[in-house]
């Protein structure tokens, strides 16, 4: 079994889960299930979360040990 074959099932399951969540959340929003937030309720939250994610990714890539490339020729 190749890497792509092993990863296909979890990737498809994740995409189905995201699609299902999106449909349910949108339907809930259309019927008024979620409260309406005032303008600016999440002011700059995306900037803070994006910065933290970027620093975390940079740190994860920096501490990663280099792997040796081998040829299977």
C-alpha atoms as a PDB file:
ATOM      1  CA  UNK A   1       0.000   0.000   0.000  1.00  0.00           C
ATOM      2  CA  UNK A   2       1.434   3.343  -1.020  1.00  0.00           C
ATOM      3  CA  UNK A   3       1.505   6.518   1.035  1.00  0.00           C
ATOM      4  CA  UNK A   4      -1.218   8.063  -1.136  1.00  0.00           C
ATOM      5  CA  UNK A   5      -3.487   5.064  -0.621  1.00  0.00           C
ATOM      6  CA  UNK A   6      -2.984   5.189   3.165  1.00  0.00           C
ATOM      7  CA  UNK A   7      -3.749   8.897   3.281  1.00  0.00           C
ATOM      8  CA  UNK A   8      -6.767   8.838   0.950  1.00  0.00           C
ATOM      9  CA  UNK A   9      -9.309   7.521   3.460  1.00  0.00           C
ATOM     10  CA  UNK A  10      -8.534  10.002   6.294  1.00  0.00           C
ATOM     11  CA  UNK A  11      -8.380  12.903   3.833  1.00  0.00           C
ATOM     12  CA  UNK A  12     -11.752  12.018   2.306  1.00  0.00           C
ATOM     13  CA  UNK A  13     -13.240  11.520   5.786  1.00  0.00           C
ATOM     14  CA  UNK A  14     -11.942  14.940   6.831  1.00  0.00           C
ATOM     15  CA  UNK A  15     -13.378  16.619   3.755  1.00  0.00           C
ATOM     16  CA  UNK A  16     -16.758  14.949   4.312  1.00  0.00           C
ATOM     17  CA  UNK A  17     -16.710  16.070   7.965  1.00  0.00           C
ATOM     18  CA  UNK A  18     -15.927  19.692   7.014  1.00  0.00           C
ATOM     19  CA  UNK A  19     -18.660  19.669   4.343  1.00  0.00           C
ATOM     20  CA  UNK A  20     -21.209  18.239   6.796  1.00  0.00           C
ATOM     21  CA  UNK A  21     -20.274  20.811   9.439  1.00  0.00           C
ATOM     22  CA  UNK A  22     -20.540  23.607   6.888  1.00  0.00           C
ATOM     23  CA  UNK A  23     -23.997  22.501   5.761  1.00  0.00           C
ATOM     24  CA  UNK A  24     -25.288  22.121   9.324  1.00  0.00           C
ATOM     25  CA  UNK A  25     -23.844  25.455  10.465  1.00  0.00           C
ATOM     26  CA  UNK A  26     -25.231  27.286   7.433  1.00  0.00           C
ATOM     27  CA  UNK A  27     -28.655  25.711   7.956  1.00  0.00           C
ATOM     28  CA  UNK A  28     -28.568  26.732  11.626  1.00  0.00           C
ATOM     29  CA  UNK A  29     -27.641  30.269  10.684  1.00  0.00           C
ATOM     30  CA  UNK A  30     -30.491  30.467   8.176  1.00  0.00           C
ATOM     31  CA  UNK A  31     -33.093  29.432  10.774  1.00  0.00           C
ATOM     32  CA  UNK A  32     -31.619  31.741  13.424  1.00  0.00           C
ATOM     33  CA  UNK A  33     -30.089  29.113  15.720  1.00  0.00           C
ATOM     34  CA  UNK A  34     -26.944  31.167  16.352  1.00  0.00           C
ATOM     35  CA  UNK A  35     -27.041  34.539  18.086  1.00  0.00           C
ATOM     36  CA  UNK A  36     -26.133  37.633  16.070  1.00  0.00           C
ATOM     37  CA  UNK A  37     -22.917  39.143  17.401  1.00  0.00           C
ATOM     38  CA  UNK A  38     -22.355  42.887  17.491  1.00  0.00           C
ATOM     39  CA  UNK A  39     -19.998  44.420  14.947  1.00  0.00           C
ATOM     40  CA  UNK A  40     -16.376  44.129  16.067  1.00  0.00           C
ATOM     41  CA  UNK A  41     -16.981  41.272  18.512  1.00  0.00           C
ATOM     42  CA  UNK A  42     -13.937  39.401  17.221  1.00  0.00           C
ATOM     43  CA  UNK A  43     -11.803  42.474  16.553  1.00  0.00           C
ATOM     44  CA  UNK A  44      -8.305  41.423  15.405  1.00  0.00           C
ATOM     45  CA  UNK A  45      -8.830  37.825  16.531  1.00  0.00           C
ATOM     46  CA  UNK A  46      -7.850  36.533  13.086  1.00  0.00           C
ATOM     47  CA  UNK A  47      -4.572  38.453  13.241  1.00  0.00           C
ATOM     48  CA  UNK A  48      -3.676  37.047  16.651  1.00  0.00           C
ATOM     49  CA  UNK A  49      -4.599  33.465  15.767  1.00  0.00           C
ATOM     50  CA  UNK A  50      -2.750  33.700  12.434  1.00  0.00           C
ATOM     51  CA  UNK A  51       0.365  35.056  14.134  1.00  0.00           C
ATOM     52  CA  UNK A  52       0.333  32.294  16.766  1.00  0.00           C
ATOM     53  CA  UNK A  53      -0.161  29.638  14.068  1.00  0.00           C
ATOM     54  CA  UNK A  54       2.693  31.093  11.999  1.00  0.00           C
ATOM     55  CA  UNK A  55       5.086  31.176  14.957  1.00  0.00           C
ATOM     56  CA  UNK A  56       4.106  27.622  15.896  1.00  0.00           C
ATOM     57  CA  UNK A  57       4.705  26.409  12.343  1.00  0.00           C
ATOM     58  CA  UNK A  58       8.030  28.205  12.163  1.00  0.00           C
ATOM     59  CA  UNK A  59       9.084  26.652  15.471  1.00  0.00           C
ATOM     60  CA  UNK A  60       7.966  23.173  14.360  1.00  0.00           C
ATOM     61  CA  UNK A  61       9.929  23.464  11.123  1.00  0.00           C
ATOM     62  CA  UNK A  62      13.001  24.848  12.908  1.00  0.00           C
ATOM     63  CA  UNK A  63      13.288  21.996  15.422  1.00  0.00           C
ATOM     64  CA  UNK A  64      12.678  19.288  12.858  1.00  0.00           C
ATOM     65  CA  UNK A  65      15.689  17.073  12.231  1.00  0.00           C
ATOM     66  CA  UNK A  66      16.723  16.891   8.583  1.00  0.00           C
ATOM     67  CA  UNK A  67      16.058  13.553   6.942  1.00  0.00           C
ATOM     68  CA  UNK A  68      18.402  11.912   4.537  1.00  0.00           C
ATOM     69  CA  UNK A  69      17.155  11.505   1.005  1.00  0.00           C
ATOM     70  CA  UNK A  70      17.709   8.085  -0.501  1.00  0.00           C
ATOM     71  CA  UNK A  71      17.161   6.870  -3.992  1.00  0.00           C
ATOM     72  CA  UNK A  72      15.200   3.746  -4.725  1.00  0.00           C
ATOM     73  CA  UNK A  73      16.647   3.396  -8.199  1.00  0.00           C
END
